Amino acid sequence: LCIAWVKKKTLNSNEKILLLLGCSRFWYLC
């Protein structure tokens, strides 16, 4: 999602939720 963000310069609403969800789960598990 970060690579797509850099390429498109924007994220849709679904991708914003997925991005924060992935970050929160990664740091929670870590």
PDB file of all heavy atoms in Angstrom:
ATOM      1  N   LEU A   1       0.822  -1.212   0.000  1.00  0.00           N
ATOM      2  CA  LEU A   1       0.000   0.000   0.000  1.00  0.00           C
ATOM      3  C   LEU A   1       0.857   1.264   0.000  1.00  0.00           C
ATOM      4  O   LEU A   1       0.490   2.268  -0.625  1.00  0.00           O
ATOM      5  CB  LEU A   1      -0.927  -0.015   1.215  1.00  0.00           C
ATOM      6  CG  LEU A   1      -2.013  -1.102   1.200  1.00  0.00           C
ATOM      7  CD1 LEU A   1      -2.826  -1.064   2.476  1.00  0.00           C
ATOM      8  CD2 LEU A   1      -2.924  -0.942  -0.011  1.00  0.00           C
ATOM      9  N   CYS A   2       2.002   1.231   0.684  1.00  0.00           N
ATOM     10  CA  CYS A   2       2.892   2.401   0.682  1.00  0.00           C
ATOM     11  C   CYS A   2       3.494   2.629  -0.708  1.00  0.00           C
ATOM     12  O   CYS A   2       3.626   3.780  -1.154  1.00  0.00           O
ATOM     13  CB  CYS A   2       3.996   2.221   1.714  1.00  0.00           C
ATOM     14  SG  CYS A   2       3.447   2.426   3.429  1.00  0.00           S
ATOM     15  N   ILE A   3       3.853   1.546  -1.393  1.00  0.00           N
ATOM     16  CA  ILE A   3       4.371   1.674  -2.758  1.00  0.00           C
ATOM     17  C   ILE A   3       3.298   2.253  -3.684  1.00  0.00           C
ATOM     18  O   ILE A   3       3.579   3.142  -4.509  1.00  0.00           O
ATOM     19  CB  ILE A   3       4.869   0.307  -3.271  1.00  0.00           C
ATOM     20  CG1 ILE A   3       6.107  -0.128  -2.482  1.00  0.00           C
ATOM     21  CG2 ILE A   3       5.187   0.377  -4.761  1.00  0.00           C
ATOM     22  CD1 ILE A   3       6.558  -1.540  -2.806  1.00  0.00           C
ATOM     23  N   ALA A   4       2.062   1.765  -3.533  1.00  0.00           N
ATOM     24  CA  ALA A   4       0.964   2.307  -4.341  1.00  0.00           C
ATOM     25  C   ALA A   4       0.699   3.769  -3.999  1.00  0.00           C
ATOM     26  O   ALA A   4       0.377   4.575  -4.880  1.00  0.00           O
ATOM     27  CB  ALA A   4      -0.302   1.479  -4.107  1.00  0.00           C
ATOM     28  N   TRP A   5       0.866   4.119  -2.730  1.00  0.00           N
ATOM     29  CA  TRP A   5       0.676   5.508  -2.301  1.00  0.00           C
ATOM     30  C   TRP A   5       1.705   6.431  -2.945  1.00  0.00           C
ATOM     31  O   TRP A   5       1.389   7.524  -3.416  1.00  0.00           O
ATOM     32  CB  TRP A   5       0.774   5.567  -0.779  1.00  0.00           C
ATOM     33  CG  TRP A   5       0.345   6.869  -0.173  1.00  0.00           C
ATOM     34  CD1 TRP A   5      -0.184   7.952  -0.837  1.00  0.00           C
ATOM     35  CD2 TRP A   5       0.384   7.225   1.207  1.00  0.00           C
ATOM     36  NE1 TRP A   5      -0.473   8.958   0.037  1.00  0.00           N
ATOM     37  CE2 TRP A   5      -0.134   8.550   1.307  1.00  0.00           C
ATOM     38  CE3 TRP A   5       0.803   6.565   2.357  1.00  0.00           C
ATOM     39  CZ2 TRP A   5      -0.224   9.200   2.533  1.00  0.00           C
ATOM     40  CZ3 TRP A   5       0.699   7.220   3.568  1.00  0.00           C
ATOM     41  CH2 TRP A   5       0.204   8.516   3.648  1.00  0.00           C
ATOM     42  N   VAL A   6       2.956   5.964  -2.990  1.00  0.00           N
ATOM     43  CA  VAL A   6       4.014   6.761  -3.602  1.00  0.00           C
ATOM     44  C   VAL A   6       3.764   6.927  -5.099  1.00  0.00           C
ATOM     45  O   VAL A   6       3.960   8.016  -5.667  1.00  0.00           O
ATOM     46  CB  VAL A   6       5.391   6.118  -3.357  1.00  0.00           C
ATOM     47  CG1 VAL A   6       6.476   6.823  -4.162  1.00  0.00           C
ATOM     48  CG2 VAL A   6       5.734   6.141  -1.872  1.00  0.00           C
ATOM     49  N   LYS A   7       3.306   5.876  -5.758  1.00  0.00           N
ATOM     50  CA  LYS A   7       3.076   5.931  -7.195  1.00  0.00           C
ATOM     51  C   LYS A   7       1.866   6.794  -7.552  1.00  0.00           C
ATOM     52  O   LYS A   7       1.926   7.610  -8.471  1.00  0.00           O
ATOM     53  CB  LYS A   7       2.885   4.515  -7.743  1.00  0.00           C
ATOM     54  CG  LYS A   7       4.150   3.673  -7.729  1.00  0.00           C
ATOM     55  CD  LYS A   7       3.884   2.302  -8.331  1.00  0.00           C
ATOM     56  CE  LYS A   7       5.162   1.454  -8.376  1.00  0.00           C
ATOM     57  NZ  LYS A   7       4.914   0.100  -8.945  1.00  0.00           N
ATOM     58  N   LYS A   8       0.765   6.609  -6.841  1.00  0.00           N
ATOM     59  CA  LYS A   8      -0.470   7.320  -7.170  1.00  0.00           C
ATOM     60  C   LYS A   8      -0.624   8.653  -6.446  1.00  0.00           C
ATOM     61  O   LYS A   8      -1.501   9.440  -6.784  1.00  0.00           O
ATOM     62  CB  LYS A   8      -1.683   6.444  -6.837  1.00  0.00           C
ATOM     63  CG  LYS A   8      -1.749   5.133  -7.608  1.00  0.00           C
ATOM     64  CD  LYS A   8      -3.072   4.439  -7.388  1.00  0.00           C
ATOM     65  CE  LYS A   8      -3.333   4.187  -5.918  1.00  0.00           C
ATOM     66  NZ  LYS A   8      -4.624   3.515  -5.680  1.00  0.00           N
ATOM     67  N   LYS A   9       0.201   8.887  -5.424  1.00  0.00           N
ATOM     68  CA  LYS A   9       0.134  10.095  -4.608  1.00  0.00           C
ATOM     69  C   LYS A   9      -1.152  10.185  -3.791  1.00  0.00           C
ATOM     70  O   LYS A   9      -1.425  11.218  -3.172  1.00  0.00           O
ATOM     71  CB  LYS A   9       0.252  11.367  -5.477  1.00  0.00           C
ATOM     72  CG  LYS A   9       1.470  11.392  -6.385  1.00  0.00           C
ATOM     73  CD  LYS A   9       2.773  11.359  -5.598  1.00  0.00           C
ATOM     74  CE  LYS A   9       3.969  11.443  -6.530  1.00  0.00           C
ATOM     75  NZ  LYS A   9       5.260  11.382  -5.794  1.00  0.00           N
ATOM     76  N   THR A  10      -1.918   9.116  -3.768  1.00  0.00           N
ATOM     77  CA  THR A  10      -3.164   9.121  -3.002  1.00  0.00           C
ATOM     78  C   THR A  10      -3.583   7.679  -2.699  1.00  0.00           C
ATOM     79  O   THR A  10      -3.115   6.734  -3.358  1.00  0.00           O
ATOM     80  CB  THR A  10      -4.285   9.828  -3.768  1.00  0.00           C
ATOM     81  OG1 THR A  10      -5.455   9.895  -2.946  1.00  0.00           O
ATOM     82  CG2 THR A  10      -4.624   9.088  -5.044  1.00  0.00           C
ATOM     83  N   LEU A  11      -4.466   7.531  -1.707  1.00  0.00           N
ATOM     84  CA  LEU A  11      -5.040   6.235  -1.359  1.00  0.00           C
ATOM     85  C   LEU A  11      -6.541   6.394  -1.223  1.00  0.00           C
ATOM     86  O   LEU A  11      -7.027   7.419  -0.732  1.00  0.00           O
ATOM     87  CB  LEU A  11      -4.464   5.715  -0.027  1.00  0.00           C
ATOM     88  CG  LEU A  11      -3.011   5.252   0.006  1.00  0.00           C
ATOM     89  CD1 LEU A  11      -2.616   4.890   1.431  1.00  0.00           C
ATOM     90  CD2 LEU A  11      -2.788   4.068  -0.921  1.00  0.00           C
ATOM     91  N   ASN A  12      -7.281   5.374  -1.679  1.00  0.00           N
ATOM     92  CA  ASN A  12      -8.723   5.425  -1.469  1.00  0.00           C
ATOM     93  C   ASN A  12      -9.049   5.028  -0.022  1.00  0.00           C
ATOM     94  O   ASN A  12      -8.172   4.630   0.750  1.00  0.00           O
ATOM     95  CB  ASN A  12      -9.458   4.529  -2.473  1.00  0.00           C
ATOM     96  CG  ASN A  12      -9.018   3.078  -2.393  1.00  0.00           C
ATOM     97  OD1 ASN A  12      -8.818   2.524  -1.308  1.00  0.00           O
ATOM     98  ND2 ASN A  12      -8.885   2.434  -3.550  1.00  0.00           N
ATOM     99  N   SER A  13     -10.314   5.142   0.352  1.00  0.00           N
ATOM    100  CA  SER A  13     -10.711   4.912   1.744  1.00  0.00           C
ATOM    101  C   SER A  13     -10.427   3.490   2.199  1.00  0.00           C
ATOM    102  O   SER A  13      -9.978   3.258   3.334  1.00  0.00           O
ATOM    103  CB  SER A  13     -12.204   5.230   1.903  1.00  0.00           C
ATOM    104  OG  SER A  13     -12.465   6.582   1.598  1.00  0.00           O
ATOM    105  N   ASN A  14     -10.682   2.521   1.325  1.00  0.00           N
ATOM    106  CA  ASN A  14     -10.424   1.125   1.662  1.00  0.00           C
ATOM    107  C   ASN A  14      -8.945   0.900   1.950  1.00  0.00           C
ATOM    108  O   ASN A  14      -8.573   0.211   2.922  1.00  0.00           O
ATOM    109  CB  ASN A  14     -10.891   0.235   0.510  1.00  0.00           C
ATOM    110  CG  ASN A  14     -10.658  -1.237   0.773  1.00  0.00           C
ATOM    111  OD1 ASN A  14     -10.912  -1.721   1.876  1.00  0.00           O
ATOM    112  ND2 ASN A  14     -10.168  -1.949  -0.219  1.00  0.00           N
ATOM    113  N   GLU A  15      -8.086   1.482   1.139  1.00  0.00           N
ATOM    114  CA  GLU A  15      -6.643   1.312   1.321  1.00  0.00           C
ATOM    115  C   GLU A  15      -6.144   2.029   2.576  1.00  0.00           C
ATOM    116  O   GLU A  15      -5.205   1.562   3.226  1.00  0.00           O
ATOM    117  CB  GLU A  15      -5.909   1.826   0.078  1.00  0.00           C
ATOM    118  CG  GLU A  15      -6.146   0.980  -1.162  1.00  0.00           C
ATOM    119  CD  GLU A  15      -5.575   1.604  -2.422  1.00  0.00           C
ATOM    120  OE1 GLU A  15      -5.412   2.847  -2.435  1.00  0.00           O
ATOM    121  OE2 GLU A  15      -5.314   0.873  -3.384  1.00  0.00           O
ATOM    122  N   LYS A  16      -6.754   3.151   2.929  1.00  0.00           N
ATOM    123  CA  LYS A  16      -6.372   3.840   4.165  1.00  0.00           C
ATOM    124  C   LYS A  16      -6.643   2.962   5.379  1.00  0.00           C
ATOM    125  O   LYS A  16      -5.807   2.860   6.293  1.00  0.00           O
ATOM    126  CB  LYS A  16      -7.142   5.158   4.286  1.00  0.00           C
ATOM    127  CG  LYS A  16      -6.749   6.217   3.276  1.00  0.00           C
ATOM    128  CD  LYS A  16      -7.616   7.451   3.416  1.00  0.00           C
ATOM    129  CE  LYS A  16      -7.277   8.489   2.354  1.00  0.00           C
ATOM    130  NZ  LYS A  16      -8.175   9.686   2.429  1.00  0.00           N
ATOM    131  N   ILE A  17      -7.816   2.326   5.404  1.00  0.00           N
ATOM    132  CA  ILE A  17      -8.152   1.446   6.533  1.00  0.00           C
ATOM    133  C   ILE A  17      -7.212   0.252   6.572  1.00  0.00           C
ATOM    134  O   ILE A  17      -6.711  -0.137   7.638  1.00  0.00           O
ATOM    135  CB  ILE A  17      -9.617   0.987   6.438  1.00  0.00           C
ATOM    136  CG1 ILE A  17     -10.557   2.188   6.434  1.00  0.00           C
ATOM    137  CG2 ILE A  17      -9.958   0.066   7.604  1.00  0.00           C
ATOM    138  CD1 ILE A  17     -12.013   1.828   6.233  1.00  0.00           C
ATOM    139  N   LEU A  18      -6.951  -0.347   5.406  1.00  0.00           N
ATOM    140  CA  LEU A  18      -6.055  -1.504   5.353  1.00  0.00           C
ATOM    141  C   LEU A  18      -4.642  -1.134   5.788  1.00  0.00           C
ATOM    142  O   LEU A  18      -3.967  -1.928   6.470  1.00  0.00           O
ATOM    143  CB  LEU A  18      -6.034  -2.079   3.935  1.00  0.00           C
ATOM    144  CG  LEU A  18      -7.259  -2.874   3.483  1.00  0.00           C
ATOM    145  CD1 LEU A  18      -7.120  -3.282   2.027  1.00  0.00           C
ATOM    146  CD2 LEU A  18      -7.442  -4.115   4.361  1.00  0.00           C
ATOM    147  N   LEU A  19      -4.188   0.060   5.417  1.00  0.00           N
ATOM    148  CA  LEU A  19      -2.840   0.485   5.784  1.00  0.00           C
ATOM    149  C   LEU A  19      -2.700   0.623   7.300  1.00  0.00           C
ATOM    150  O   LEU A  19      -1.747   0.092   7.895  1.00  0.00           O
ATOM    151  CB  LEU A  19      -2.515   1.820   5.106  1.00  0.00           C
ATOM    152  CG  LEU A  19      -1.139   2.428   5.426  1.00  0.00           C
ATOM    153  CD1 LEU A  19      -0.020   1.497   4.984  1.00  0.00           C
ATOM    154  CD2 LEU A  19      -0.995   3.788   4.752  1.00  0.00           C
ATOM    155  N   LEU A  20      -3.640   1.314   7.932  1.00  0.00           N
ATOM    156  CA  LEU A  20      -3.578   1.472   9.381  1.00  0.00           C
ATOM    157  C   LEU A  20      -3.811   0.152  10.097  1.00  0.00           C
ATOM    158  O   LEU A  20      -3.207  -0.109  11.146  1.00  0.00           O
ATOM    159  CB  LEU A  20      -4.606   2.504   9.837  1.00  0.00           C
ATOM    160  CG  LEU A  20      -4.315   3.951   9.434  1.00  0.00           C
ATOM    161  CD1 LEU A  20      -5.406   4.881   9.944  1.00  0.00           C
ATOM    162  CD2 LEU A  20      -2.963   4.397   9.973  1.00  0.00           C
ATOM    163  N   LEU A  21      -4.671  -0.691   9.537  1.00  0.00           N
ATOM    164  CA  LEU A  21      -4.903  -2.005  10.133  1.00  0.00           C
ATOM    165  C   LEU A  21      -3.642  -2.859  10.095  1.00  0.00           C
ATOM    166  O   LEU A  21      -3.280  -3.515  11.079  1.00  0.00           O
ATOM    167  CB  LEU A  21      -6.048  -2.712   9.407  1.00  0.00           C
ATOM    168  CG  LEU A  21      -6.449  -4.100   9.921  1.00  0.00           C
ATOM    169  CD1 LEU A  21      -6.898  -4.022  11.370  1.00  0.00           C
ATOM    170  CD2 LEU A  21      -7.553  -4.693   9.046  1.00  0.00           C
ATOM    171  N   GLY A  22      -2.951  -2.846   8.954  1.00  0.00           N
ATOM    172  CA  GLY A  22      -1.702  -3.596   8.842  1.00  0.00           C
ATOM    173  C   GLY A  22      -0.636  -3.088   9.791  1.00  0.00           C
ATOM    174  O   GLY A  22       0.082  -3.870  10.429  1.00  0.00           O
ATOM    175  N   CYS A  23      -0.529  -1.752   9.926  1.00  0.00           N
ATOM    176  CA  CYS A  23       0.455  -1.163  10.853  1.00  0.00           C
ATOM    177  C   CYS A  23       0.154  -1.548  12.294  1.00  0.00           C
ATOM    178  O   CYS A  23       1.056  -1.932  13.051  1.00  0.00           O
ATOM    179  CB  CYS A  23       0.467   0.356  10.709  1.00  0.00           C
ATOM    180  SG  CYS A  23       1.170   0.973   9.164  1.00  0.00           S
ATOM    181  N   SER A  24      -1.114  -1.431  12.689  1.00  0.00           N
ATOM    182  CA  SER A  24      -1.476  -1.726  14.078  1.00  0.00           C
ATOM    183  C   SER A  24      -1.240  -3.194  14.407  1.00  0.00           C
ATOM    184  O   SER A  24      -0.760  -3.526  15.502  1.00  0.00           O
ATOM    185  CB  SER A  24      -2.935  -1.351  14.336  1.00  0.00           C
ATOM    186  OG  SER A  24      -3.818  -2.151  13.560  1.00  0.00           O
ATOM    187  N   ARG A  25      -1.551  -4.072  13.466  1.00  0.00           N
ATOM    188  CA  ARG A  25      -1.352  -5.498  13.728  1.00  0.00           C
ATOM    189  C   ARG A  25       0.119  -5.868  13.765  1.00  0.00           C
ATOM    190  O   ARG A  25       0.535  -6.709  14.569  1.00  0.00           O
ATOM    191  CB  ARG A  25      -2.086  -6.321  12.673  1.00  0.00           C
ATOM    192  CG  ARG A  25      -3.580  -6.333  12.891  1.00  0.00           C
ATOM    193  CD  ARG A  25      -4.318  -7.114  11.847  1.00  0.00           C
ATOM    194  NE  ARG A  25      -5.708  -7.256  12.230  1.00  0.00           N
ATOM    195  CZ  ARG A  25      -6.644  -7.781  11.459  1.00  0.00           C
ATOM    196  NH1 ARG A  25      -6.315  -8.201  10.240  1.00  0.00           N
ATOM    197  NH2 ARG A  25      -7.890  -7.893  11.888  1.00  0.00           N
ATOM    198  N   PHE A  26       0.917  -5.261  12.898  1.00  0.00           N
ATOM    199  CA  PHE A  26       2.353  -5.539  12.916  1.00  0.00           C
ATOM    200  C   PHE A  26       2.965  -5.138  14.250  1.00  0.00           C
ATOM    201  O   PHE A  26       3.692  -5.922  14.880  1.00  0.00           O
ATOM    202  CB  PHE A  26       3.042  -4.787  11.778  1.00  0.00           C
ATOM    203  CG  PHE A  26       4.539  -4.911  11.806  1.00  0.00           C
ATOM    204  CD1 PHE A  26       5.167  -6.020  11.263  1.00  0.00           C
ATOM    205  CD2 PHE A  26       5.315  -3.913  12.398  1.00  0.00           C
ATOM    206  CE1 PHE A  26       6.556  -6.130  11.301  1.00  0.00           C
ATOM    207  CE2 PHE A  26       6.697  -4.018  12.440  1.00  0.00           C
ATOM    208  CZ  PHE A  26       7.319  -5.132  11.889  1.00  0.00           C
ATOM    209  N   TRP A  27       2.668  -3.934  14.712  1.00  0.00           N
ATOM    210  CA  TRP A  27       3.260  -3.468  15.968  1.00  0.00           C
ATOM    211  C   TRP A  27       2.670  -4.190  17.168  1.00  0.00           C
ATOM    212  O   TRP A  27       3.367  -4.400  18.181  1.00  0.00           O
ATOM    213  CB  TRP A  27       3.076  -1.957  16.104  1.00  0.00           C
ATOM    214  CG  TRP A  27       3.987  -1.196  15.198  1.00  0.00           C
ATOM    215  CD1 TRP A  27       3.645  -0.447  14.110  1.00  0.00           C
ATOM    216  CD2 TRP A  27       5.422  -1.142  15.286  1.00  0.00           C
ATOM    217  NE1 TRP A  27       4.752   0.074  13.515  1.00  0.00           N
ATOM    218  CE2 TRP A  27       5.868  -0.329  14.217  1.00  0.00           C
ATOM    219  CE3 TRP A  27       6.360  -1.690  16.147  1.00  0.00           C
ATOM    220  CZ2 TRP A  27       7.213  -0.065  13.998  1.00  0.00           C
ATOM    221  CZ3 TRP A  27       7.699  -1.433  15.937  1.00  0.00           C
ATOM    222  CH2 TRP A  27       8.118  -0.625  14.879  1.00  0.00           C
ATOM    223  N   TYR A  28       1.385  -4.585  17.093  1.00  0.00           N
ATOM    224  CA  TYR A  28       0.806  -5.360  18.193  1.00  0.00           C
ATOM    225  C   TYR A  28       1.520  -6.699  18.347  1.00  0.00           C
ATOM    226  O   TYR A  28       1.912  -7.085  19.454  1.00  0.00           O
ATOM    227  CB  TYR A  28      -0.692  -5.590  17.960  1.00  0.00           C
ATOM    228  CG  TYR A  28      -1.262  -6.661  18.852  1.00  0.00           C
ATOM    229  CD1 TYR A  28      -1.435  -6.433  20.221  1.00  0.00           C
ATOM    230  CD2 TYR A  28      -1.603  -7.913  18.340  1.00  0.00           C
ATOM    231  CE1 TYR A  28      -1.938  -7.418  21.038  1.00  0.00           C
ATOM    232  CE2 TYR A  28      -2.106  -8.899  19.156  1.00  0.00           C
ATOM    233  CZ  TYR A  28      -2.282  -8.657  20.511  1.00  0.00           C
ATOM    234  OH  TYR A  28      -2.769  -9.644  21.331  1.00  0.00           O
ATOM    235  N   LEU A  29       1.703  -7.404  17.228  1.00  0.00           N
ATOM    236  CA  LEU A  29       2.384  -8.690  17.285  1.00  0.00           C
ATOM    237  C   LEU A  29       3.834  -8.535  17.730  1.00  0.00           C
ATOM    238  O   LEU A  29       4.349  -9.353  18.505  1.00  0.00           O
ATOM    239  CB  LEU A  29       2.320  -9.379  15.917  1.00  0.00           C
ATOM    240  CG  LEU A  29       0.950  -9.920  15.504  1.00  0.00           C
ATOM    241  CD1 LEU A  29       0.985 -10.396  14.057  1.00  0.00           C
ATOM    242  CD2 LEU A  29       0.519 -11.057  16.427  1.00  0.00           C
ATOM    243  N   CYS A  30       4.488  -7.491  17.248  1.00  0.00           N
ATOM    244  CA  CYS A  30       5.890  -7.261  17.598  1.00  0.00           C
ATOM    245  C   CYS A  30       6.057  -6.990  19.088  1.00  0.00           C
ATOM    246  O   CYS A  30       6.869  -7.637  19.771  1.00  0.00           O
ATOM    247  CB  CYS A  30       6.441  -6.094  16.773  1.00  0.00           C
ATOM    248  SG  CYS A  30       8.199  -5.772  17.031  1.00  0.00           S
TER     249      CYS A  30
END
